[in-house]
């Protein structure tokens, strides 16, 4: 908070002069001048509620809202008799900076306080209701803007931006539009984008079948009935196939796991045949060693199936890394 920077105590007349001058500057809306004088008072241990209130007003009027918020949070942390005075200022800052979620959390905590007067309780209830409405309106506006940006990114062929907008829409909990869902069946849409869209549908617990075209395959999937990628049994079972690698070469093991996840992500919600798990494990071993510069000499020819999966995994890695940065 910077309440004290030295041990010099102001002479009463000097303190009185600074207080009067800062108050006059505030009245005349000379907030920069007022702030300098208020800071001088605070530096010399003048910590009255009027002084800090004046500083908060100056910071807010000067557009320095992050500083005002930080100072307010420090003052609230003191939990003294001025708590409710500062909380009103704090809530105003949150409202002005569109931090509706945090504002609602603070108001919810305030409503649990027993000593609130009926007018105060009613005021906070109204503020909570208003914040909720504004949050919904703000999110709706953001969703519409993101959808427009996504469509523009599709038209421009900007795949990383497409993924970014879908990821953001998913995190906002937005409801997917049919126009977006239809991209799942379009051959021109990147496989990684289709995975992101499908995960969005899963998050929204979509129960209707959607058609997905990937790698010359076309099939209907019901999002809510498909195992989520973060709890994927294919991944767990294939990792078991090469679990022994971890003890001898933990670095190779981690590389193989990463390659596998990226491979399954690109395929999703399609999955490899279980009868090929061992071939995939061998392909991951070979590719992982190549990436780490380890000798990949094979005793005998590598099977066609292993070679196929090695090429496919490498291709999937290229697709994944071209869109998602880790």
C-alpha atoms as a PDB file:
ATOM      1  CA  UNK A   1       0.000   0.000   0.000  1.00  0.00           C
ATOM      2  CA  UNK A   2       2.964   2.253   0.518  1.00  0.00           C
ATOM      3  CA  UNK A   3       1.459   3.794   3.644  1.00  0.00           C
ATOM      4  CA  UNK A   4       4.855   4.702   5.071  1.00  0.00           C
ATOM      5  CA  UNK A   5       8.075   5.509   3.255  1.00  0.00           C
ATOM      6  CA  UNK A   6       9.934   7.193   6.107  1.00  0.00           C
ATOM      7  CA  UNK A   7       9.541   8.097   9.745  1.00  0.00           C
ATOM      8  CA  UNK A   8       9.161  11.854   9.256  1.00  0.00           C
ATOM      9  CA  UNK A   9       6.022  13.202  10.920  1.00  0.00           C
ATOM     10  CA  UNK A  10       4.331  16.208   9.303  1.00  0.00           C
ATOM     11  CA  UNK A  11       4.040  19.418  11.288  1.00  0.00           C
ATOM     12  CA  UNK A  12       0.358  20.056  12.031  1.00  0.00           C
ATOM     13  CA  UNK A  13       0.207  23.230   9.917  1.00  0.00           C
ATOM     14  CA  UNK A  14       1.893  21.538   6.944  1.00  0.00           C
ATOM     15  CA  UNK A  15      -0.503  18.595   7.227  1.00  0.00           C
ATOM     16  CA  UNK A  16      -3.492  20.942   7.433  1.00  0.00           C
ATOM     17  CA  UNK A  17      -2.245  22.864   4.402  1.00  0.00           C
ATOM     18  CA  UNK A  18      -1.799  19.695   2.321  1.00  0.00           C
ATOM     19  CA  UNK A  19      -5.240  18.431   3.314  1.00  0.00           C
ATOM     20  CA  UNK A  20      -6.894  21.722   2.376  1.00  0.00           C
ATOM     21  CA  UNK A  21      -5.003  21.985  -0.904  1.00  0.00           C
ATOM     22  CA  UNK A  22      -5.805  18.386  -1.876  1.00  0.00           C
ATOM     23  CA  UNK A  23      -9.482  18.917  -1.031  1.00  0.00           C
ATOM     24  CA  UNK A  24      -9.585  22.105  -3.072  1.00  0.00           C
ATOM     25  CA  UNK A  25      -7.889  20.375  -6.010  1.00  0.00           C
ATOM     26  CA  UNK A  26     -10.474  17.590  -5.806  1.00  0.00           C
ATOM     27  CA  UNK A  27     -13.333  20.098  -5.838  1.00  0.00           C
ATOM     28  CA  UNK A  28     -11.815  21.754  -8.895  1.00  0.00           C
ATOM     29  CA  UNK A  29     -11.310  18.358 -10.544  1.00  0.00           C
ATOM     30  CA  UNK A  30      -7.542  18.817 -10.702  1.00  0.00           C
ATOM     31  CA  UNK A  31      -7.062  15.155  -9.925  1.00  0.00           C
ATOM     32  CA  UNK A  32      -3.378  14.929 -10.817  1.00  0.00           C
ATOM     33  CA  UNK A  33      -2.497  17.739  -8.409  1.00  0.00           C
ATOM     34  CA  UNK A  34      -4.757  16.346  -5.708  1.00  0.00           C
ATOM     35  CA  UNK A  35      -3.181  12.893  -6.064  1.00  0.00           C
ATOM     36  CA  UNK A  36       0.353  14.246  -5.563  1.00  0.00           C
ATOM     37  CA  UNK A  37      -0.657  16.016  -2.358  1.00  0.00           C
ATOM     38  CA  UNK A  38      -2.595  13.006  -1.061  1.00  0.00           C
ATOM     39  CA  UNK A  39       0.377  10.735  -1.757  1.00  0.00           C
ATOM     40  CA  UNK A  40       2.597  13.118   0.223  1.00  0.00           C
ATOM     41  CA  UNK A  41       0.220  12.858   3.166  1.00  0.00           C
ATOM     42  CA  UNK A  42       0.121   9.052   2.946  1.00  0.00           C
ATOM     43  CA  UNK A  43       3.922   8.882   2.747  1.00  0.00           C
ATOM     44  CA  UNK A  44       4.010  10.681   6.088  1.00  0.00           C
ATOM     45  CA  UNK A  45       1.628   8.333   7.880  1.00  0.00           C
ATOM     46  CA  UNK A  46      -1.561  10.307   7.394  1.00  0.00           C
ATOM     47  CA  UNK A  47      -3.867   7.353   6.893  1.00  0.00           C
ATOM     48  CA  UNK A  48      -7.334   8.775   7.455  1.00  0.00           C
ATOM     49  CA  UNK A  49     -10.270   7.296   5.559  1.00  0.00           C
ATOM     50  CA  UNK A  50     -10.842  10.682   3.887  1.00  0.00           C
ATOM     51  CA  UNK A  51      -7.294  10.682   2.510  1.00  0.00           C
ATOM     52  CA  UNK A  52      -7.559   7.201   1.011  1.00  0.00           C
ATOM     53  CA  UNK A  53     -11.034   7.930  -0.319  1.00  0.00           C
ATOM     54  CA  UNK A  54      -9.659  11.023  -2.013  1.00  0.00           C
ATOM     55  CA  UNK A  55      -6.817   9.025  -3.530  1.00  0.00           C
ATOM     56  CA  UNK A  56      -9.219   6.377  -4.827  1.00  0.00           C
ATOM     57  CA  UNK A  57     -11.377   9.070  -6.429  1.00  0.00           C
ATOM     58  CA  UNK A  58      -8.311  10.599  -8.107  1.00  0.00           C
ATOM     59  CA  UNK A  59      -7.115   7.269  -9.469  1.00  0.00           C
ATOM     60  CA  UNK A  60     -10.561   6.438 -10.806  1.00  0.00           C
ATOM     61  CA  UNK A  61     -11.039   9.843 -12.429  1.00  0.00           C
ATOM     62  CA  UNK A  62      -7.577   9.639 -13.989  1.00  0.00           C
ATOM     63  CA  UNK A  63      -8.484   6.274 -15.518  1.00  0.00           C
ATOM     64  CA  UNK A  64      -5.961   4.405 -13.375  1.00  0.00           C
ATOM     65  CA  UNK A  65      -8.512   1.791 -12.403  1.00  0.00           C
ATOM     66  CA  UNK A  66      -6.104  -1.143 -11.877  1.00  0.00           C
ATOM     67  CA  UNK A  67      -4.223   0.954  -9.290  1.00  0.00           C
ATOM     68  CA  UNK A  68      -7.480   1.972  -7.656  1.00  0.00           C
ATOM     69  CA  UNK A  69      -8.592  -1.654  -7.500  1.00  0.00           C
ATOM     70  CA  UNK A  70      -5.290  -2.780  -6.002  1.00  0.00           C
ATOM     71  CA  UNK A  71      -5.380  -0.043  -3.340  1.00  0.00           C
ATOM     72  CA  UNK A  72      -8.993  -0.811  -2.533  1.00  0.00           C
ATOM     73  CA  UNK A  73      -8.212  -4.509  -2.086  1.00  0.00           C
ATOM     74  CA  UNK A  74      -5.407  -3.646   0.342  1.00  0.00           C
ATOM     75  CA  UNK A  75      -7.695  -1.362   2.331  1.00  0.00           C
ATOM     76  CA  UNK A  76     -10.410  -4.022   2.435  1.00  0.00           C
ATOM     77  CA  UNK A  77      -7.877  -6.571   3.676  1.00  0.00           C
ATOM     78  CA  UNK A  78      -7.500  -4.468   6.844  1.00  0.00           C
ATOM     79  CA  UNK A  79     -11.110  -5.407   7.739  1.00  0.00           C
ATOM     80  CA  UNK A  80     -11.532  -2.355   9.952  1.00  0.00           C
ATOM     81  CA  UNK A  81     -14.522  -0.122  10.675  1.00  0.00           C
ATOM     82  CA  UNK A  82     -14.276   1.405   7.190  1.00  0.00           C
ATOM     83  CA  UNK A  83     -14.823  -1.908   5.389  1.00  0.00           C
ATOM     84  CA  UNK A  84     -18.323  -1.158   4.095  1.00  0.00           C
ATOM     85  CA  UNK A  85     -17.234   2.319   3.006  1.00  0.00           C
ATOM     86  CA  UNK A  86     -14.419   0.903   0.880  1.00  0.00           C
ATOM     87  CA  UNK A  87     -16.484  -2.009  -0.434  1.00  0.00           C
ATOM     88  CA  UNK A  88     -18.881   0.410  -2.125  1.00  0.00           C
ATOM     89  CA  UNK A  89     -15.956   2.015  -3.938  1.00  0.00           C
ATOM     90  CA  UNK A  90     -14.550  -1.412  -4.788  1.00  0.00           C
ATOM     91  CA  UNK A  91     -17.834  -2.586  -6.281  1.00  0.00           C
ATOM     92  CA  UNK A  92     -18.009   0.600  -8.345  1.00  0.00           C
ATOM     93  CA  UNK A  93     -14.539  -0.134  -9.744  1.00  0.00           C
ATOM     94  CA  UNK A  94     -15.524  -3.709 -10.606  1.00  0.00           C
ATOM     95  CA  UNK A  95     -18.648  -2.441 -12.338  1.00  0.00           C
ATOM     96  CA  UNK A  96     -16.707   0.142 -14.345  1.00  0.00           C
ATOM     97  CA  UNK A  97     -14.162  -2.457 -15.450  1.00  0.00           C
ATOM     98  CA  UNK A  98     -16.823  -5.028 -16.419  1.00  0.00           C
ATOM     99  CA  UNK A  99     -15.596  -7.558 -13.847  1.00  0.00           C
ATOM    100  CA  UNK A 100     -19.098  -8.857 -13.324  1.00  0.00           C
ATOM    101  CA  UNK A 101     -18.132 -12.332 -12.122  1.00  0.00           C
ATOM    102  CA  UNK A 102     -15.906 -10.964  -9.339  1.00  0.00           C
ATOM    103  CA  UNK A 103     -18.492  -8.319  -8.495  1.00  0.00           C
ATOM    104  CA  UNK A 104     -21.191 -10.960  -8.071  1.00  0.00           C
ATOM    105  CA  UNK A 105     -18.888 -13.032  -5.853  1.00  0.00           C
ATOM    106  CA  UNK A 106     -18.202 -10.017  -3.631  1.00  0.00           C
ATOM    107  CA  UNK A 107     -21.882  -9.125  -3.378  1.00  0.00           C
ATOM    108  CA  UNK A 108     -22.749 -12.746  -2.560  1.00  0.00           C
ATOM    109  CA  UNK A 109     -20.263 -12.619   0.332  1.00  0.00           C
ATOM    110  CA  UNK A 110     -21.716  -9.322   1.528  1.00  0.00           C
ATOM    111  CA  UNK A 111     -25.240 -10.734   1.543  1.00  0.00           C
ATOM    112  CA  UNK A 112     -24.054 -13.392   3.984  1.00  0.00           C
ATOM    113  CA  UNK A 113     -23.099 -10.709   6.526  1.00  0.00           C
ATOM    114  CA  UNK A 114     -25.546 -10.625   9.435  1.00  0.00           C
ATOM    115  CA  UNK A 115     -25.291  -6.950  10.395  1.00  0.00           C
ATOM    116  CA  UNK A 116     -26.461  -5.502   7.073  1.00  0.00           C
ATOM    117  CA  UNK A 117     -29.403  -3.129   7.344  1.00  0.00           C
ATOM    118  CA  UNK A 118     -32.485  -3.877   5.197  1.00  0.00           C
ATOM    119  CA  UNK A 119     -31.710  -0.934   2.844  1.00  0.00           C
ATOM    120  CA  UNK A 120     -28.116  -2.151   2.443  1.00  0.00           C
ATOM    121  CA  UNK A 121     -29.266  -5.691   1.746  1.00  0.00           C
ATOM    122  CA  UNK A 122     -31.772  -4.457  -0.835  1.00  0.00           C
ATOM    123  CA  UNK A 123     -29.092  -2.319  -2.473  1.00  0.00           C
ATOM    124  CA  UNK A 124     -26.724  -5.276  -2.776  1.00  0.00           C
ATOM    125  CA  UNK A 125     -29.487  -7.524  -4.126  1.00  0.00           C
ATOM    126  CA  UNK A 126     -30.247  -4.985  -6.832  1.00  0.00           C
ATOM    127  CA  UNK A 127     -26.548  -4.690  -7.651  1.00  0.00           C
ATOM    128  CA  UNK A 128     -26.239  -8.471  -7.912  1.00  0.00           C
ATOM    129  CA  UNK A 129     -29.236  -8.658 -10.250  1.00  0.00           C
ATOM    130  CA  UNK A 130     -27.901  -5.836 -12.403  1.00  0.00           C
ATOM    131  CA  UNK A 131     -24.416  -7.401 -12.546  1.00  0.00           C
ATOM    132  CA  UNK A 132     -25.843 -10.746 -13.589  1.00  0.00           C
ATOM    133  CA  UNK A 133     -27.833  -9.134 -16.384  1.00  0.00           C
ATOM    134  CA  UNK A 134     -24.847  -7.100 -17.579  1.00  0.00           C
ATOM    135  CA  UNK A 135     -22.624 -10.185 -17.458  1.00  0.00           C
ATOM    136  CA  UNK A 136     -25.072 -12.101 -19.640  1.00  0.00           C
ATOM    137  CA  UNK A 137     -25.349  -9.203 -22.085  1.00  0.00           C
ATOM    138  CA  UNK A 138     -21.574  -8.812 -22.203  1.00  0.00           C
ATOM    139  CA  UNK A 139     -21.043 -12.525 -22.838  1.00  0.00           C
ATOM    140  CA  UNK A 140     -23.737 -12.581 -25.524  1.00  0.00           C
ATOM    141  CA  UNK A 141     -22.035  -9.664 -27.252  1.00  0.00           C
ATOM    142  CA  UNK A 142     -18.658 -11.391 -26.993  1.00  0.00           C
ATOM    143  CA  UNK A 143     -20.091 -14.658 -28.353  1.00  0.00           C
ATOM    144  CA  UNK A 144     -21.576 -12.898 -31.375  1.00  0.00           C
ATOM    145  CA  UNK A 145     -18.288 -11.132 -31.986  1.00  0.00           C
ATOM    146  CA  UNK A 146     -16.299 -14.378 -31.692  1.00  0.00           C
ATOM    147  CA  UNK A 147     -18.641 -16.192 -34.075  1.00  0.00           C
ATOM    148  CA  UNK A 148     -18.233 -13.408 -36.620  1.00  0.00           C
ATOM    149  CA  UNK A 149     -14.452 -13.541 -36.210  1.00  0.00           C
ATOM    150  CA  UNK A 150     -14.465 -17.330 -36.558  1.00  0.00           C
ATOM    151  CA  UNK A 151     -16.437 -17.146 -39.794  1.00  0.00           C
ATOM    152  CA  UNK A 152     -14.055 -14.504 -41.075  1.00  0.00           C
ATOM    153  CA  UNK A 153     -11.057 -16.680 -40.136  1.00  0.00           C
ATOM    154  CA  UNK A 154     -12.627 -19.608 -42.019  1.00  0.00           C
ATOM    155  CA  UNK A 155     -13.045 -17.429 -45.087  1.00  0.00           C
ATOM    156  CA  UNK A 156      -9.435 -16.278 -44.823  1.00  0.00           C
ATOM    157  CA  UNK A 157      -8.111 -19.777 -44.156  1.00  0.00           C
ATOM    158  CA  UNK A 158      -6.494 -18.674 -40.881  1.00  0.00           C
ATOM    159  CA  UNK A 159      -6.544 -21.986 -39.009  1.00  0.00           C
ATOM    160  CA  UNK A 160      -4.782 -20.961 -35.746  1.00  0.00           C
ATOM    161  CA  UNK A 161      -7.294 -18.133 -35.327  1.00  0.00           C
ATOM    162  CA  UNK A 162     -10.166 -20.521 -36.018  1.00  0.00           C
ATOM    163  CA  UNK A 163      -8.951 -22.754 -33.193  1.00  0.00           C
ATOM    164  CA  UNK A 164      -8.488 -19.772 -30.860  1.00  0.00           C
ATOM    165  CA  UNK A 165     -12.048 -18.541 -31.407  1.00  0.00           C
ATOM    166  CA  UNK A 166     -13.603 -21.999 -30.983  1.00  0.00           C
ATOM    167  CA  UNK A 167     -11.580 -22.575 -27.807  1.00  0.00           C
ATOM    168  CA  UNK A 168     -12.762 -19.230 -26.436  1.00  0.00           C
ATOM    169  CA  UNK A 169     -16.397 -19.949 -27.334  1.00  0.00           C
ATOM    170  CA  UNK A 170     -16.125 -23.304 -25.575  1.00  0.00           C
ATOM    171  CA  UNK A 171     -14.715 -21.706 -22.424  1.00  0.00           C
ATOM    172  CA  UNK A 172     -17.498 -19.123 -22.437  1.00  0.00           C
ATOM    173  CA  UNK A 173     -20.056 -21.927 -22.444  1.00  0.00           C
ATOM    174  CA  UNK A 174     -21.686 -20.566 -25.595  1.00  0.00           C
ATOM    175  CA  UNK A 175     -24.269 -22.601 -27.476  1.00  0.00           C
ATOM    176  CA  UNK A 176     -22.883 -23.815 -30.833  1.00  0.00           C
ATOM    177  CA  UNK A 177     -24.663 -22.554 -33.925  1.00  0.00           C
ATOM    178  CA  UNK A 178     -25.767 -24.937 -36.668  1.00  0.00           C
ATOM    179  CA  UNK A 179     -23.530 -23.089 -39.113  1.00  0.00           C
ATOM    180  CA  UNK A 180     -20.519 -24.023 -36.981  1.00  0.00           C
ATOM    181  CA  UNK A 181     -21.654 -27.624 -36.517  1.00  0.00           C
ATOM    182  CA  UNK A 182     -21.967 -28.022 -40.275  1.00  0.00           C
ATOM    183  CA  UNK A 183     -18.227 -27.409 -40.586  1.00  0.00           C
ATOM    184  CA  UNK A 184     -17.688 -30.890 -39.112  1.00  0.00           C
ATOM    185  CA  UNK A 185     -18.790 -32.462 -42.375  1.00  0.00           C
ATOM    186  CA  UNK A 186     -16.911 -30.032 -44.624  1.00  0.00           C
ATOM    187  CA  UNK A 187     -13.799 -31.440 -46.286  1.00  0.00           C
ATOM    188  CA  UNK A 188     -12.177 -28.004 -46.337  1.00  0.00           C
ATOM    189  CA  UNK A 189     -12.097 -27.594 -42.536  1.00  0.00           C
ATOM    190  CA  UNK A 190      -8.886 -28.586 -40.747  1.00  0.00           C
ATOM    191  CA  UNK A 191      -9.095 -31.813 -38.643  1.00  0.00           C
ATOM    192  CA  UNK A 192      -7.834 -30.008 -35.534  1.00  0.00           C
ATOM    193  CA  UNK A 193     -10.635 -27.447 -35.843  1.00  0.00           C
ATOM    194  CA  UNK A 194     -13.173 -30.258 -36.132  1.00  0.00           C
ATOM    195  CA  UNK A 195     -11.838 -31.783 -32.925  1.00  0.00           C
ATOM    196  CA  UNK A 196     -12.167 -28.431 -31.150  1.00  0.00           C
ATOM    197  CA  UNK A 197     -15.740 -28.017 -32.406  1.00  0.00           C
ATOM    198  CA  UNK A 198     -16.657 -31.546 -31.323  1.00  0.00           C
ATOM    199  CA  UNK A 199     -15.210 -30.950 -27.836  1.00  0.00           C
ATOM    200  CA  UNK A 200     -17.313 -27.795 -27.652  1.00  0.00           C
ATOM    201  CA  UNK A 201     -20.404 -29.877 -28.469  1.00  0.00           C
ATOM    202  CA  UNK A 202     -19.425 -32.336 -25.749  1.00  0.00           C
ATOM    203  CA  UNK A 203     -19.080 -29.537 -23.212  1.00  0.00           C
ATOM    204  CA  UNK A 204     -22.593 -28.406 -24.140  1.00  0.00           C
ATOM    205  CA  UNK A 205     -23.829 -32.010 -23.762  1.00  0.00           C
ATOM    206  CA  UNK A 206     -25.273 -32.145 -27.263  1.00  0.00           C
ATOM    207  CA  UNK A 207     -27.470 -35.240 -27.637  1.00  0.00           C
ATOM    208  CA  UNK A 208     -28.176 -35.008 -31.361  1.00  0.00           C
ATOM    209  CA  UNK A 209     -25.949 -36.874 -33.849  1.00  0.00           C
ATOM    210  CA  UNK A 210     -23.478 -34.820 -35.868  1.00  0.00           C
ATOM    211  CA  UNK A 211     -21.733 -35.905 -39.057  1.00  0.00           C
ATOM    212  CA  UNK A 212     -17.938 -35.728 -39.073  1.00  0.00           C
ATOM    213  CA  UNK A 213     -15.763 -36.064 -42.140  1.00  0.00           C
ATOM    214  CA  UNK A 214     -12.097 -36.829 -41.426  1.00  0.00           C
ATOM    215  CA  UNK A 215      -9.411 -38.603 -43.432  1.00  0.00           C
ATOM    216  CA  UNK A 216     -11.820 -39.981 -46.053  1.00  0.00           C
ATOM    217  CA  UNK A 217     -14.195 -41.241 -43.357  1.00  0.00           C
ATOM    218  CA  UNK A 218     -17.696 -39.937 -42.768  1.00  0.00           C
ATOM    219  CA  UNK A 219     -19.742 -41.002 -39.769  1.00  0.00           C
ATOM    220  CA  UNK A 220     -22.361 -39.727 -37.315  1.00  0.00           C
ATOM    221  CA  UNK A 221     -21.405 -39.265 -33.648  1.00  0.00           C
ATOM    222  CA  UNK A 222     -23.481 -38.257 -30.637  1.00  0.00           C
ATOM    223  CA  UNK A 223     -21.170 -35.906 -28.666  1.00  0.00           C
ATOM    224  CA  UNK A 224     -22.503 -36.665 -25.196  1.00  0.00           C
ATOM    225  CA  UNK A 225     -22.049 -40.424 -25.731  1.00  0.00           C
ATOM    226  CA  UNK A 226     -18.428 -40.257 -26.900  1.00  0.00           C
ATOM    227  CA  UNK A 227     -15.683 -40.710 -24.343  1.00  0.00           C
ATOM    228  CA  UNK A 228     -13.908 -37.424 -23.714  1.00  0.00           C
ATOM    229  CA  UNK A 229     -10.380 -37.086 -24.991  1.00  0.00           C
ATOM    230  CA  UNK A 230      -8.995 -36.227 -21.542  1.00  0.00           C
ATOM    231  CA  UNK A 231     -10.179 -39.628 -20.290  1.00  0.00           C
ATOM    232  CA  UNK A 232      -9.507 -41.597 -23.455  1.00  0.00           C
ATOM    233  CA  UNK A 233      -9.110 -45.364 -23.090  1.00  0.00           C
ATOM    234  CA  UNK A 234      -7.246 -45.657 -26.393  1.00  0.00           C
ATOM    235  CA  UNK A 235      -4.574 -43.379 -24.992  1.00  0.00           C
ATOM    236  CA  UNK A 236      -4.286 -45.291 -21.716  1.00  0.00           C
ATOM    237  CA  UNK A 237      -4.150 -48.717 -23.375  1.00  0.00           C
ATOM    238  CA  UNK A 238      -1.578 -47.714 -25.995  1.00  0.00           C
ATOM    239  CA  UNK A 239       0.628 -46.140 -23.318  1.00  0.00           C
ATOM    240  CA  UNK A 240       0.578 -49.503 -21.536  1.00  0.00           C
ATOM    241  CA  UNK A 241       2.064 -51.019 -24.690  1.00  0.00           C
ATOM    242  CA  UNK A 242       5.240 -48.966 -24.266  1.00  0.00           C
ATOM    243  CA  UNK A 243       5.220 -48.378 -20.490  1.00  0.00           C
ATOM    244  CA  UNK A 244       8.508 -50.304 -20.199  1.00  0.00           C
ATOM    245  CA  UNK A 245      10.275 -47.466 -22.035  1.00  0.00           C
ATOM    246  CA  UNK A 246       9.853 -45.119 -19.077  1.00  0.00           C
ATOM    247  CA  UNK A 247      12.360 -46.942 -16.866  1.00  0.00           C
ATOM    248  CA  UNK A 248      15.158 -47.036 -19.452  1.00  0.00           C
ATOM    249  CA  UNK A 249      14.516 -43.709 -21.184  1.00  0.00           C
ATOM    250  CA  UNK A 250      12.024 -41.379 -19.468  1.00  0.00           C
ATOM    251  CA  UNK A 251      12.662 -38.621 -22.037  1.00  0.00           C
ATOM    252  CA  UNK A 252      11.726 -40.915 -24.915  1.00  0.00           C
ATOM    253  CA  UNK A 253       8.683 -42.055 -22.944  1.00  0.00           C
ATOM    254  CA  UNK A 254       7.436 -38.472 -22.559  1.00  0.00           C
ATOM    255  CA  UNK A 255       8.006 -37.734 -26.252  1.00  0.00           C
ATOM    256  CA  UNK A 256       6.046 -40.849 -27.214  1.00  0.00           C
ATOM    257  CA  UNK A 257       3.145 -39.913 -24.931  1.00  0.00           C
ATOM    258  CA  UNK A 258       3.021 -36.433 -26.421  1.00  0.00           C
ATOM    259  CA  UNK A 259       3.067 -37.786 -29.975  1.00  0.00           C
ATOM    260  CA  UNK A 260       0.298 -40.214 -29.080  1.00  0.00           C
ATOM    261  CA  UNK A 261      -1.943 -37.549 -27.588  1.00  0.00           C
ATOM    262  CA  UNK A 262      -1.499 -35.295 -30.606  1.00  0.00           C
ATOM    263  CA  UNK A 263      -2.221 -38.232 -32.918  1.00  0.00           C
ATOM    264  CA  UNK A 264      -5.434 -39.127 -31.111  1.00  0.00           C
ATOM    265  CA  UNK A 265      -6.453 -35.460 -30.918  1.00  0.00           C
ATOM    266  CA  UNK A 266      -6.223 -35.073 -34.688  1.00  0.00           C
ATOM    267  CA  UNK A 267      -8.199 -38.296 -35.277  1.00  0.00           C
ATOM    268  CA  UNK A 268     -10.854 -37.601 -32.635  1.00  0.00           C
ATOM    269  CA  UNK A 269     -13.636 -38.641 -32.340  1.00  0.00           C
ATOM    270  CA  UNK A 270     -12.427 -41.394 -34.660  1.00  0.00           C
ATOM    271  CA  UNK A 271     -10.004 -43.813 -33.025  1.00  0.00           C
ATOM    272  CA  UNK A 272      -7.502 -46.423 -34.201  1.00  0.00           C
ATOM    273  CA  UNK A 273      -8.377 -50.104 -34.264  1.00  0.00           C
ATOM    274  CA  UNK A 274      -7.476 -51.892 -31.024  1.00  0.00           C
ATOM    275  CA  UNK A 275      -5.806 -54.669 -32.955  1.00  0.00           C
ATOM    276  CA  UNK A 276      -3.212 -52.117 -34.073  1.00  0.00           C
ATOM    277  CA  UNK A 277      -2.251 -50.840 -30.604  1.00  0.00           C
ATOM    278  CA  UNK A 278       1.060 -52.712 -30.620  1.00  0.00           C
ATOM    279  CA  UNK A 279       1.880 -51.443 -34.120  1.00  0.00           C
ATOM    280  CA  UNK A 280       1.144 -47.886 -33.003  1.00  0.00           C
ATOM    281  CA  UNK A 281       3.418 -48.356 -29.987  1.00  0.00           C
ATOM    282  CA  UNK A 282       6.241 -49.546 -32.272  1.00  0.00           C
ATOM    283  CA  UNK A 283       5.638 -46.626 -34.628  1.00  0.00           C
ATOM    284  CA  UNK A 284       5.768 -44.191 -31.700  1.00  0.00           C
ATOM    285  CA  UNK A 285       9.016 -45.756 -30.499  1.00  0.00           C
ATOM    286  CA  UNK A 286      10.608 -45.428 -33.927  1.00  0.00           C
ATOM    287  CA  UNK A 287       9.422 -41.862 -34.466  1.00  0.00           C
ATOM    288  CA  UNK A 288      10.318 -40.805 -30.928  1.00  0.00           C
ATOM    289  CA  UNK A 289      13.866 -42.118 -31.334  1.00  0.00           C
ATOM    290  CA  UNK A 290      14.243 -40.290 -34.639  1.00  0.00           C
ATOM    291  CA  UNK A 291      13.135 -37.036 -33.045  1.00  0.00           C
ATOM    292  CA  UNK A 292      15.662 -37.505 -30.236  1.00  0.00           C
ATOM    293  CA  UNK A 293      18.462 -38.585 -32.580  1.00  0.00           C
ATOM    294  CA  UNK A 294      18.630 -42.098 -31.141  1.00  0.00           C
ATOM    295  CA  UNK A 295      19.826 -45.013 -33.305  1.00  0.00           C
ATOM    296  CA  UNK A 296      16.764 -46.520 -35.002  1.00  0.00           C
ATOM    297  CA  UNK A 297      18.442 -49.552 -36.587  1.00  0.00           C
ATOM    298  CA  UNK A 298      15.897 -52.342 -37.030  1.00  0.00           C
ATOM    299  CA  UNK A 299      16.722 -56.023 -36.945  1.00  0.00           C
ATOM    300  CA  UNK A 300      14.650 -57.058 -39.955  1.00  0.00           C
ATOM    301  CA  UNK A 301      12.261 -54.988 -41.974  1.00  0.00           C
ATOM    302  CA  UNK A 302       9.657 -52.855 -40.211  1.00  0.00           C
ATOM    303  CA  UNK A 303       6.148 -54.105 -40.983  1.00  0.00           C
ATOM    304  CA  UNK A 304       4.015 -52.199 -43.453  1.00  0.00           C
ATOM    305  CA  UNK A 305       1.459 -51.489 -40.727  1.00  0.00           C
ATOM    306  CA  UNK A 306       4.065 -49.961 -38.406  1.00  0.00           C
ATOM    307  CA  UNK A 307       5.422 -47.845 -41.270  1.00  0.00           C
ATOM    308  CA  UNK A 308       1.895 -46.735 -42.109  1.00  0.00           C
ATOM    309  CA  UNK A 309       1.243 -45.594 -38.549  1.00  0.00           C
ATOM    310  CA  UNK A 310       4.622 -43.915 -38.278  1.00  0.00           C
ATOM    311  CA  UNK A 311       3.797 -41.819 -41.344  1.00  0.00           C
ATOM    312  CA  UNK A 312       0.283 -41.130 -40.070  1.00  0.00           C
ATOM    313  CA  UNK A 313       1.501 -40.094 -36.612  1.00  0.00           C
ATOM    314  CA  UNK A 314       4.107 -37.813 -38.147  1.00  0.00           C
ATOM    315  CA  UNK A 315       1.451 -36.265 -40.379  1.00  0.00           C
ATOM    316  CA  UNK A 316      -0.867 -35.794 -37.395  1.00  0.00           C
ATOM    317  CA  UNK A 317       1.951 -34.127 -35.476  1.00  0.00           C
ATOM    318  CA  UNK A 318       2.448 -31.674 -38.334  1.00  0.00           C
ATOM    319  CA  UNK A 319      -1.271 -30.893 -38.389  1.00  0.00           C
ATOM    320  CA  UNK A 320      -1.456 -30.438 -34.621  1.00  0.00           C
ATOM    321  CA  UNK A 321       1.655 -28.282 -34.208  1.00  0.00           C
ATOM    322  CA  UNK A 322       0.650 -26.045 -37.118  1.00  0.00           C
ATOM    323  CA  UNK A 323      -2.431 -24.971 -35.177  1.00  0.00           C
ATOM    324  CA  UNK A 324      -1.851 -25.387 -31.434  1.00  0.00           C
ATOM    325  CA  UNK A 325       1.187 -23.972 -29.667  1.00  0.00           C
ATOM    326  CA  UNK A 326       2.372 -25.675 -26.478  1.00  0.00           C
END
